[in-house]
């Protein structure tokens, strides 16, 4: 009988046997499950079969945190903050519309000016 929590099963990690595993394999499996739960990755399609693969999986999952943070941070930044160049372009088009209206320019000239700016 062991005092280790039953965190893995034979169906998930076929080569891991909690009764015959060494202490380092126990620690590697606990580390793997902790990182797996922390990153919300879930069980991989091909589970790691030895300590080296477990440590590589942990490294990939931890790298996933940084990559996911960068991607989501960039997307949220684009959604939340205004694009200065776009705002200046909209202001320029508004000034062009005001200029054309004040001068009474014909529609075809106004269209050519819009096409030139865009």
N, C-alpha and C. Protein backbone atom coordinates (compact mmCIF):
# COMPACT_ATOMS: atom_id res chain seq x y z
N UNK A 1 0.84 -1.19 0.00
CA UNK A 1 0.00 0.00 0.00
C UNK A 1 0.88 1.24 0.00
N UNK A 2 0.44 2.28 -0.70
CA UNK A 2 1.23 3.50 -0.82
C UNK A 2 0.48 4.68 -0.24
N UNK A 3 1.23 5.69 0.16
CA UNK A 3 0.62 6.92 0.68
C UNK A 3 0.42 7.95 -0.42
N UNK A 4 0.88 7.65 -1.64
CA UNK A 4 0.75 8.59 -2.74
C UNK A 4 -0.70 8.64 -3.20
N UNK A 5 -1.18 9.81 -3.56
CA UNK A 5 -2.56 9.89 -4.07
C UNK A 5 -2.67 9.21 -5.42
N UNK A 6 -3.81 8.65 -5.67
CA UNK A 6 -4.05 7.95 -6.94
C UNK A 6 -4.40 8.98 -8.00
N UNK A 7 -3.38 9.55 -8.63
CA UNK A 7 -3.62 10.61 -9.61
C UNK A 7 -3.57 10.12 -11.04
N UNK A 8 -3.11 8.90 -11.23
CA UNK A 8 -3.05 8.37 -12.59
C UNK A 8 -3.64 6.98 -12.60
N UNK A 9 -4.02 6.56 -13.77
CA UNK A 9 -4.55 5.21 -13.92
C UNK A 9 -3.77 4.50 -15.00
N UNK A 10 -3.87 3.20 -15.06
CA UNK A 10 -3.16 2.43 -16.06
C UNK A 10 -3.66 2.72 -17.46
N UNK A 11 -4.91 3.14 -17.60
CA UNK A 11 -5.44 3.41 -18.93
C UNK A 11 -4.90 4.70 -19.51
N UNK A 12 -4.52 5.66 -18.66
CA UNK A 12 -4.03 6.95 -19.14
C UNK A 12 -2.53 6.88 -19.41
N UNK A 13 -1.77 6.33 -18.49
CA UNK A 13 -0.32 6.20 -18.63
C UNK A 13 0.03 4.71 -18.59
N UNK A 14 0.05 4.06 -19.73
CA UNK A 14 0.18 2.61 -19.74
C UNK A 14 1.49 2.08 -19.14
N UNK A 15 2.59 2.84 -19.24
CA UNK A 15 3.87 2.33 -18.73
C UNK A 15 4.15 2.75 -17.30
N UNK A 16 3.27 3.54 -16.70
CA UNK A 16 3.47 3.99 -15.33
C UNK A 16 2.72 3.06 -14.39
N UNK A 17 3.45 2.44 -13.51
CA UNK A 17 2.85 1.58 -12.49
C UNK A 17 3.19 2.18 -11.14
N UNK A 18 2.22 2.69 -10.41
CA UNK A 18 2.51 3.34 -9.14
C UNK A 18 3.12 2.41 -8.10
N UNK A 19 2.95 1.10 -8.27
CA UNK A 19 3.47 0.15 -7.28
C UNK A 19 4.95 -0.16 -7.50
N UNK A 20 5.41 -0.02 -8.74
CA UNK A 20 6.82 -0.35 -9.02
C UNK A 20 7.64 0.87 -9.42
N UNK A 21 7.04 2.04 -9.51
CA UNK A 21 7.75 3.24 -9.96
C UNK A 21 8.71 3.73 -8.88
N UNK A 22 9.77 4.37 -9.34
CA UNK A 22 10.73 4.94 -8.40
C UNK A 22 10.19 6.25 -7.84
N UNK A 23 10.90 6.79 -6.87
CA UNK A 23 10.48 8.04 -6.24
C UNK A 23 10.51 9.19 -7.25
N UNK A 24 11.53 9.21 -8.12
CA UNK A 24 11.60 10.28 -9.12
C UNK A 24 10.45 10.19 -10.11
N UNK A 25 10.02 8.98 -10.45
CA UNK A 25 8.87 8.83 -11.35
C UNK A 25 7.59 9.32 -10.68
N UNK A 26 7.45 9.06 -9.38
CA UNK A 26 6.29 9.58 -8.65
C UNK A 26 6.28 11.11 -8.69
N UNK A 27 7.43 11.71 -8.38
CA UNK A 27 7.51 13.17 -8.40
C UNK A 27 7.25 13.72 -9.81
N UNK A 28 7.78 13.05 -10.82
CA UNK A 28 7.56 13.51 -12.20
C UNK A 28 6.08 13.45 -12.56
N UNK A 29 5.39 12.39 -12.14
CA UNK A 29 3.96 12.28 -12.45
C UNK A 29 3.15 13.34 -11.70
N UNK A 30 3.50 13.60 -10.46
CA UNK A 30 2.78 14.63 -9.70
C UNK A 30 3.04 16.00 -10.31
N UNK A 31 4.28 16.26 -10.71
CA UNK A 31 4.59 17.52 -11.37
C UNK A 31 3.82 17.64 -12.68
N UNK A 32 3.77 16.55 -13.44
CA UNK A 32 3.03 16.56 -14.70
C UNK A 32 1.56 16.87 -14.46
N UNK A 33 0.94 16.20 -13.51
CA UNK A 33 -0.49 16.42 -13.24
C UNK A 33 -0.73 17.84 -12.74
N UNK A 34 0.19 18.37 -11.93
CA UNK A 34 0.02 19.74 -11.44
C UNK A 34 0.09 20.74 -12.58
N UNK A 35 1.07 20.59 -13.45
CA UNK A 35 1.20 21.50 -14.59
C UNK A 35 0.03 21.30 -15.54
N UNK A 36 -0.38 20.07 -15.72
CA UNK A 36 -1.51 19.77 -16.59
C UNK A 36 -2.78 20.45 -16.09
N UNK A 37 -3.03 20.39 -14.80
CA UNK A 37 -4.22 21.04 -14.24
C UNK A 37 -4.08 22.56 -14.26
N UNK A 38 -2.87 23.05 -14.02
CA UNK A 38 -2.66 24.50 -13.98
C UNK A 38 -2.85 25.12 -15.36
N UNK A 39 -2.42 24.44 -16.41
CA UNK A 39 -2.52 24.99 -17.76
C UNK A 39 -3.82 24.64 -18.45
N UNK A 40 -4.64 23.81 -17.85
CA UNK A 40 -5.92 23.39 -18.42
C UNK A 40 -5.76 22.76 -19.80
N UNK A 41 -4.65 22.05 -19.98
CA UNK A 41 -4.40 21.40 -21.26
C UNK A 41 -5.23 20.15 -21.41
N UNK A 42 -5.41 19.42 -20.34
CA UNK A 42 -6.12 18.16 -20.42
C UNK A 42 -5.18 17.04 -20.80
N UNK A 43 -5.69 15.86 -20.85
CA UNK A 43 -4.86 14.70 -21.19
C UNK A 43 -4.47 14.78 -22.65
N UNK A 44 -3.20 14.54 -22.91
CA UNK A 44 -2.70 14.58 -24.28
C UNK A 44 -3.18 13.35 -25.05
N UNK A 45 -3.19 13.44 -26.37
CA UNK A 45 -3.60 12.29 -27.18
C UNK A 45 -2.63 11.13 -27.00
N UNK A 46 -1.35 11.42 -26.92
CA UNK A 46 -0.34 10.40 -26.66
C UNK A 46 0.30 10.74 -25.33
N UNK A 47 -0.07 10.08 -24.26
CA UNK A 47 0.49 10.43 -22.96
C UNK A 47 1.97 10.09 -22.88
N UNK A 48 2.72 10.81 -22.06
CA UNK A 48 4.14 10.52 -21.92
C UNK A 48 4.36 9.14 -21.30
N UNK A 49 5.41 8.46 -21.75
CA UNK A 49 5.65 7.10 -21.31
C UNK A 49 6.82 6.95 -20.35
N UNK A 50 7.68 7.96 -20.28
CA UNK A 50 8.81 7.88 -19.36
C UNK A 50 9.04 9.24 -18.73
N UNK A 51 9.99 9.30 -17.82
CA UNK A 51 10.22 10.54 -17.07
C UNK A 51 10.66 11.66 -18.00
N UNK A 52 11.48 11.38 -18.99
CA UNK A 52 11.93 12.40 -19.93
C UNK A 52 10.74 13.01 -20.68
N UNK A 53 9.84 12.17 -21.17
CA UNK A 53 8.67 12.67 -21.89
C UNK A 53 7.75 13.46 -20.96
N UNK A 54 7.65 13.05 -19.71
CA UNK A 54 6.85 13.81 -18.74
C UNK A 54 7.44 15.20 -18.55
N UNK A 55 8.75 15.29 -18.39
CA UNK A 55 9.38 16.59 -18.19
C UNK A 55 9.27 17.45 -19.45
N UNK A 56 9.40 16.85 -20.62
CA UNK A 56 9.22 17.62 -21.86
C UNK A 56 7.78 18.11 -21.99
N UNK A 57 6.82 17.29 -21.62
CA UNK A 57 5.42 17.71 -21.66
C UNK A 57 5.18 18.87 -20.71
N UNK A 58 5.78 18.81 -19.53
CA UNK A 58 5.65 19.92 -18.57
C UNK A 58 6.24 21.20 -19.16
N UNK A 59 7.41 21.08 -19.80
CA UNK A 59 8.03 22.25 -20.42
C UNK A 59 7.16 22.84 -21.51
N UNK A 60 6.57 21.99 -22.34
CA UNK A 60 5.70 22.47 -23.41
C UNK A 60 4.45 23.14 -22.83
N UNK A 61 3.89 22.55 -21.80
CA UNK A 61 2.68 23.14 -21.21
C UNK A 61 3.00 24.48 -20.55
N UNK A 62 4.17 24.59 -19.90
CA UNK A 62 4.55 25.87 -19.30
C UNK A 62 4.84 26.91 -20.39
N UNK A 63 5.44 26.49 -21.49
CA UNK A 63 5.66 27.39 -22.60
C UNK A 63 4.32 27.85 -23.19
N UNK A 64 3.34 26.98 -23.14
CA UNK A 64 2.00 27.31 -23.63
C UNK A 64 1.42 28.49 -22.85
N UNK A 65 1.73 28.59 -21.57
CA UNK A 65 1.23 29.70 -20.76
C UNK A 65 1.73 31.02 -21.34
N UNK A 66 3.02 31.10 -21.63
CA UNK A 66 3.59 32.34 -22.15
C UNK A 66 3.08 32.65 -23.55
N UNK A 67 3.01 31.65 -24.40
CA UNK A 67 2.51 31.89 -25.76
C UNK A 67 1.04 32.29 -25.75
N UNK A 68 0.24 31.59 -24.96
CA UNK A 68 -1.18 31.94 -24.86
C UNK A 68 -1.38 33.33 -24.29
N UNK A 69 -0.59 33.68 -23.28
CA UNK A 69 -0.69 35.02 -22.70
C UNK A 69 -0.33 36.09 -23.72
N UNK A 70 0.71 35.83 -24.49
CA UNK A 70 1.12 36.80 -25.51
C UNK A 70 0.03 36.97 -26.58
N UNK A 71 -0.51 35.86 -27.04
CA UNK A 71 -1.53 35.93 -28.09
C UNK A 71 -2.80 36.61 -27.58
N UNK A 72 -3.29 36.18 -26.42
CA UNK A 72 -4.51 36.79 -25.89
C UNK A 72 -4.27 38.24 -25.50
N UNK A 73 -3.10 38.55 -24.95
CA UNK A 73 -2.78 39.93 -24.61
C UNK A 73 -2.77 40.83 -25.82
N UNK A 74 -2.20 40.33 -26.92
CA UNK A 74 -2.17 41.12 -28.15
C UNK A 74 -3.58 41.33 -28.70
N UNK A 75 -4.40 40.28 -28.66
CA UNK A 75 -5.78 40.42 -29.15
C UNK A 75 -6.58 41.38 -28.29
N UNK A 76 -6.47 41.27 -26.98
CA UNK A 76 -7.21 42.17 -26.11
C UNK A 76 -6.72 43.60 -26.24
N UNK A 77 -5.42 43.77 -26.46
CA UNK A 77 -4.89 45.11 -26.67
C UNK A 77 -5.50 45.73 -27.93
N UNK A 78 -5.61 44.95 -28.99
CA UNK A 78 -6.22 45.47 -30.22
C UNK A 78 -7.70 45.78 -30.03
N UNK A 79 -8.37 45.01 -29.19
CA UNK A 79 -9.80 45.24 -28.97
C UNK A 79 -10.06 46.44 -28.06
N UNK A 80 -9.21 46.66 -27.08
CA UNK A 80 -9.47 47.66 -26.06
C UNK A 80 -8.94 49.04 -26.44
N UNK A 81 -7.73 49.10 -26.95
CA UNK A 81 -7.12 50.39 -27.23
C UNK A 81 -7.41 50.84 -28.66
N UNK A 82 -7.55 52.16 -28.82
CA UNK A 82 -7.84 52.72 -30.14
C UNK A 82 -6.58 52.69 -31.00
N UNK A 83 -6.79 52.52 -32.29
CA UNK A 83 -5.70 52.58 -33.26
C UNK A 83 -5.53 54.04 -33.66
N UNK A 84 -4.39 54.63 -33.33
CA UNK A 84 -4.15 56.05 -33.57
C UNK A 84 -4.17 56.36 -35.06
N UNK A 85 -3.55 55.51 -35.86
CA UNK A 85 -3.52 55.76 -37.30
C UNK A 85 -4.93 55.72 -37.91
N UNK A 86 -5.75 54.80 -37.45
CA UNK A 86 -7.12 54.71 -37.96
C UNK A 86 -7.91 55.96 -37.55
N UNK A 87 -7.74 56.38 -36.31
CA UNK A 87 -8.46 57.58 -35.85
C UNK A 87 -8.04 58.82 -36.65
N UNK A 88 -6.75 58.93 -36.95
CA UNK A 88 -6.29 60.07 -37.75
C UNK A 88 -6.85 59.99 -39.18
N UNK A 89 -6.94 58.79 -39.73
CA UNK A 89 -7.50 58.62 -41.07
C UNK A 89 -8.98 59.02 -41.10
N UNK A 90 -9.73 58.60 -40.09
CA UNK A 90 -11.14 58.96 -40.02
C UNK A 90 -11.29 60.47 -39.88
N UNK A 91 -10.43 61.08 -39.08
CA UNK A 91 -10.49 62.54 -38.92
C UNK A 91 -10.16 63.25 -40.24
N UNK A 92 -9.18 62.73 -40.99
CA UNK A 92 -8.82 63.31 -42.28
C UNK A 92 -9.99 63.21 -43.26
N UNK A 93 -10.66 62.06 -43.29
CA UNK A 93 -11.82 61.91 -44.16
C UNK A 93 -12.95 62.85 -43.76
N UNK A 94 -13.13 63.05 -42.48
CA UNK A 94 -14.15 63.98 -42.00
C UNK A 94 -13.81 65.41 -42.43
N UNK A 95 -12.53 65.78 -42.32
CA UNK A 95 -12.11 67.12 -42.75
C UNK A 95 -12.28 67.28 -44.26
N UNK A 96 -12.01 66.21 -45.03
CA UNK A 96 -12.19 66.26 -46.47
C UNK A 96 -13.67 66.43 -46.82
N UNK A 97 -14.53 65.73 -46.12
CA UNK A 97 -15.97 65.86 -46.37
C UNK A 97 -16.43 67.28 -46.06
N UNK A 98 -15.95 67.83 -44.95
CA UNK A 98 -16.31 69.20 -44.59
C UNK A 98 -15.79 70.19 -45.63
N UNK A 99 -14.56 69.99 -46.11
CA UNK A 99 -13.97 70.86 -47.13
C UNK A 99 -14.79 70.83 -48.42
N UNK A 100 -15.14 69.60 -48.86
CA UNK A 100 -15.92 69.47 -50.10
C UNK A 100 -17.30 70.09 -49.96
N UNK A 101 -17.91 69.96 -48.79
CA UNK A 101 -19.25 70.52 -48.58
C UNK A 101 -19.19 72.05 -48.57
N UNK A 102 -18.19 72.60 -47.88
CA UNK A 102 -18.07 74.06 -47.82
C UNK A 102 -17.79 74.68 -49.19
N UNK A 103 -17.02 74.00 -50.01
CA UNK A 103 -16.64 74.54 -51.32
C UNK A 103 -17.65 74.20 -52.40
N UNK A 104 -18.58 73.31 -52.10
CA UNK A 104 -19.58 72.93 -53.09
C UNK A 104 -18.98 72.17 -54.27
N UNK A 105 -18.00 71.31 -53.99
CA UNK A 105 -17.34 70.57 -55.07
C UNK A 105 -18.28 69.50 -55.63
N UNK A 106 -18.17 69.21 -56.91
CA UNK A 106 -19.02 68.17 -57.51
C UNK A 106 -18.69 66.79 -56.94
N UNK A 107 -19.66 65.89 -57.06
CA UNK A 107 -19.54 64.55 -56.46
C UNK A 107 -18.39 63.75 -57.07
N UNK A 108 -18.18 63.87 -58.39
CA UNK A 108 -17.10 63.10 -59.01
C UNK A 108 -15.73 63.55 -58.52
N UNK A 109 -15.54 64.85 -58.29
CA UNK A 109 -14.28 65.33 -57.73
C UNK A 109 -14.11 64.87 -56.29
N UNK A 110 -15.20 64.89 -55.54
CA UNK A 110 -15.18 64.41 -54.16
C UNK A 110 -14.80 62.93 -54.11
N UNK A 111 -15.35 62.14 -55.03
CA UNK A 111 -15.03 60.71 -55.10
C UNK A 111 -13.56 60.49 -55.44
N UNK A 112 -13.03 61.30 -56.36
CA UNK A 112 -11.62 61.19 -56.73
C UNK A 112 -10.71 61.53 -55.54
N UNK A 113 -11.09 62.55 -54.77
CA UNK A 113 -10.30 62.92 -53.58
C UNK A 113 -10.33 61.78 -52.54
N UNK A 114 -11.49 61.20 -52.32
CA UNK A 114 -11.59 60.07 -51.38
C UNK A 114 -10.73 58.90 -51.85
N UNK A 115 -10.80 58.59 -53.13
CA UNK A 115 -10.00 57.49 -53.68
C UNK A 115 -8.51 57.77 -53.54
N UNK A 116 -8.13 59.03 -53.73
CA UNK A 116 -6.70 59.39 -53.63
C UNK A 116 -6.20 59.23 -52.19
N UNK A 117 -7.01 59.57 -51.23
CA UNK A 117 -6.59 59.49 -49.83
C UNK A 117 -6.57 58.03 -49.36
N UNK A 118 -7.52 57.27 -49.81
CA UNK A 118 -7.57 55.87 -49.34
C UNK A 118 -6.64 55.04 -50.16
